N, C-alpha and C. Protein backbone atom coordinates (compact mmCIF):
# COMPACT_ATOMS: atom_id res chain seq x y z
N UNK A 1 50.08 -47.06 -8.86
CA UNK A 1 50.21 -47.75 -7.31
C UNK A 1 50.11 -48.75 -7.35
N UNK A 2 50.99 -50.00 -6.61
CA UNK A 2 50.30 -51.15 -6.94
C UNK A 2 49.45 -51.82 -5.71
N UNK A 3 48.51 -52.55 -5.13
CA UNK A 3 47.92 -52.88 -4.95
C UNK A 3 47.59 -54.21 -4.22
N UNK A 4 47.30 -55.25 -3.49
CA UNK A 4 46.97 -55.76 -2.77
C UNK A 4 45.84 -56.32 -2.79
N UNK A 5 44.89 -57.64 -3.15
CA UNK A 5 43.35 -58.25 -2.50
C UNK A 5 43.39 -59.43 -2.14
N UNK A 6 43.79 -60.01 -1.51
CA UNK A 6 43.39 -61.39 -1.01
C UNK A 6 44.65 -62.23 -1.55
N UNK A 7 46.16 -61.82 -1.66
CA UNK A 7 46.77 -62.51 -1.87
C UNK A 7 47.56 -61.80 -4.19
N UNK A 8 46.36 -61.61 -4.74
CA UNK A 8 46.24 -60.85 -5.55
C UNK A 8 47.40 -59.37 -5.98
N UNK A 9 48.05 -58.86 -6.24
CA UNK A 9 48.56 -58.33 -6.67
C UNK A 9 48.34 -57.35 -8.25
N UNK A 10 47.82 -56.10 -8.12
CA UNK A 10 47.28 -55.21 -9.49
C UNK A 10 47.16 -53.81 -9.45
N UNK A 11 48.03 -53.12 -10.30
CA UNK A 11 48.13 -51.34 -10.34
C UNK A 11 46.39 -50.79 -11.55
N UNK A 12 46.50 -49.82 -11.01
CA UNK A 12 44.99 -49.60 -11.70
C UNK A 12 45.84 -47.92 -12.32
N UNK A 13 45.08 -47.90 -13.55
CA UNK A 13 44.95 -46.39 -14.51
C UNK A 13 43.86 -46.14 -14.89
N UNK A 14 44.01 -44.48 -15.49
CA UNK A 14 42.45 -44.71 -16.30
C UNK A 14 42.96 -44.19 -17.94
N UNK A 15 42.28 -44.70 -17.97
CA UNK A 15 42.52 -44.36 -20.21
C UNK A 15 41.56 -43.57 -19.91
N UNK A 16 41.81 -42.01 -20.28
CA UNK A 16 41.62 -39.96 -20.68
C UNK A 16 40.35 -40.90 -22.35
N UNK A 17 41.20 -41.41 -22.93
CA UNK A 17 40.53 -41.40 -24.47
C UNK A 17 39.10 -42.29 -24.77
N UNK A 18 38.88 -43.52 -23.25
CA UNK A 18 38.08 -44.23 -23.05
C UNK A 18 37.39 -43.42 -22.47
N UNK A 19 37.95 -42.85 -21.29
CA UNK A 19 36.84 -43.02 -19.99
C UNK A 19 36.69 -44.12 -18.69
N UNK A 20 37.86 -44.41 -19.13
CA UNK A 20 37.74 -46.01 -18.48
C UNK A 20 38.83 -46.27 -17.57
N UNK A 21 38.62 -46.71 -16.77
CA UNK A 21 39.58 -48.27 -15.54
C UNK A 21 40.11 -48.76 -16.10
N UNK A 22 41.35 -49.16 -15.66
CA UNK A 22 42.09 -50.05 -16.25
C UNK A 22 43.08 -50.70 -15.03
N UNK A 23 42.85 -52.55 -14.63
CA UNK A 23 43.09 -52.97 -13.68
C UNK A 23 44.17 -53.92 -14.40
N UNK A 24 45.44 -53.89 -13.95
CA UNK A 24 46.43 -54.73 -14.37
C UNK A 24 47.12 -55.76 -13.26
N UNK A 25 47.33 -57.12 -13.73
CA UNK A 25 48.15 -57.88 -13.12
C UNK A 25 49.10 -57.71 -12.44
N UNK A 26 49.70 -56.99 -11.65
CA UNK A 26 50.90 -56.55 -11.36
C UNK A 26 52.78 -57.89 -11.86
N UNK A 27 51.99 -58.72 -12.01
CA UNK A 27 52.76 -59.96 -11.69
C UNK A 27 52.84 -60.73 -13.58
N UNK A 28 51.38 -60.43 -13.99
CA UNK A 28 51.38 -60.17 -15.45
C UNK A 28 51.00 -59.72 -16.25
N UNK A 29 51.34 -58.34 -16.71
CA UNK A 29 50.72 -57.02 -17.48
C UNK A 29 49.93 -57.05 -18.62
N UNK A 30 50.29 -58.42 -19.36
CA UNK A 30 49.86 -59.26 -20.22
C UNK A 30 48.08 -59.29 -19.71
N UNK A 31 47.96 -59.60 -18.90
CA UNK A 31 46.12 -59.62 -17.43
C UNK A 31 45.68 -58.24 -17.57
N UNK A 32 44.23 -57.98 -18.49
CA UNK A 32 44.04 -56.43 -17.36
C UNK A 32 42.68 -56.36 -17.35
N UNK A 33 41.96 -55.73 -17.29
CA UNK A 33 40.87 -55.86 -17.67
C UNK A 33 40.12 -54.17 -17.09
N UNK A 34 39.14 -53.89 -18.27
CA UNK A 34 38.66 -52.49 -17.57
C UNK A 34 36.97 -52.46 -17.16
N UNK A 35 37.37 -50.97 -16.78
CA UNK A 35 35.65 -51.26 -15.82
C UNK A 35 35.54 -49.54 -15.78
N UNK A 36 34.36 -49.21 -15.76
CA UNK A 36 34.27 -47.96 -15.17
C UNK A 36 33.89 -47.28 -13.52
N UNK A 37 34.09 -48.23 -13.24
CA UNK A 37 34.61 -47.75 -11.72
C UNK A 37 35.54 -48.51 -11.10
N UNK A 38 36.51 -48.27 -9.79
CA UNK A 38 38.53 -49.30 -10.26
C UNK A 38 37.02 -50.43 -9.70
N UNK A 39 36.18 -49.74 -8.82
CA UNK A 39 36.26 -51.31 -8.69
C UNK A 39 35.56 -52.47 -9.24
N UNK A 40 34.87 -52.10 -10.64
CA UNK A 40 34.02 -52.44 -11.55
C UNK A 40 35.94 -53.33 -12.22
N UNK A 41 36.76 -52.60 -12.25
CA UNK A 41 37.58 -53.27 -13.47
C UNK A 41 38.55 -54.19 -12.61
N UNK A 42 39.21 -53.73 -11.64
CA UNK A 42 39.28 -54.63 -10.39
C UNK A 42 38.50 -56.50 -10.55
N UNK A 43 36.79 -56.01 -10.33
CA UNK A 43 36.61 -57.18 -10.14
C UNK A 43 36.77 -57.95 -11.28
N UNK A 44 37.09 -57.58 -12.44
CA UNK A 44 36.73 -57.78 -13.53
C UNK A 44 37.64 -58.93 -13.73
N UNK A 45 39.45 -57.88 -13.52
CA UNK A 45 40.31 -58.58 -13.66
C UNK A 45 40.47 -60.27 -12.62
N UNK A 46 40.01 -59.99 -10.98
CA UNK A 46 40.16 -60.74 -10.52
C UNK A 46 39.15 -62.17 -11.20
N UNK A 47 38.07 -62.11 -11.78
CA UNK A 47 37.15 -63.17 -12.64
C UNK A 47 37.90 -63.66 -13.55
N UNK A 48 38.99 -62.85 -14.32
CA UNK A 48 40.03 -63.45 -15.22
C UNK A 48 40.76 -64.04 -15.10
């Protein structure tokens, strides 16, 4: 699914091997961030 937060569009996936969520920039999949929770992954992506 694709989500939008304050004009920033992103996708979220779950890495089952590492047990971490991954948030991807929907417009540039080279930009991504990991987090233990979805919120943590999205916040890390927005900070980058």
